[in-house]
Amino acid sequence: VYTELEETPFRPARALRNFLCFRVVVDLAFYLSHRQLHVNPFLYKHIHRRHHEHYTTNLRTNYHFHWLDLFIESAFPIWMGFMALRGAGVKLGRFEINLFMTAVGWHESGTHLGKPLPVISWCPP
């Protein structure tokens, strides 16, 4: 895998296609896991409720998580996105992976600022 990371060239059109597929899988995995955190009373009470302690959304809300909540809503969907691409035989280079992670982090932070920002706020998760 390390050699693959070093040897996979960056191609913008391919990266865009890969990112669109990645984002669909990440958003679907996020939706399903986040929904479970709300509909399951045990999960909500013991894991997810902390995230909803803020009355107005702000940047701190994006980081106000139980550690399991952070895994379920953040790490798991991202992992699923990369595994779906890997399962489809898509090879990603180091730059492409970092670009995807940066875009996801930017999007998640931007949607919890509590203020609309151009581009980010147009496509909330």
Foldseek 3Di string as FASTA:
>chain_A
DVVLQVPDDDDPVVLVVLLVQLVVQLVVQLVVLVVCCVPPVVNVVPWNVQLVPDPAFALVSLVRGDVVCCCSNPVVSNVRSVVVCVVVVHGHYPVSNVVSVVVVVCLSSQCRHRDDDPPSVVDHD
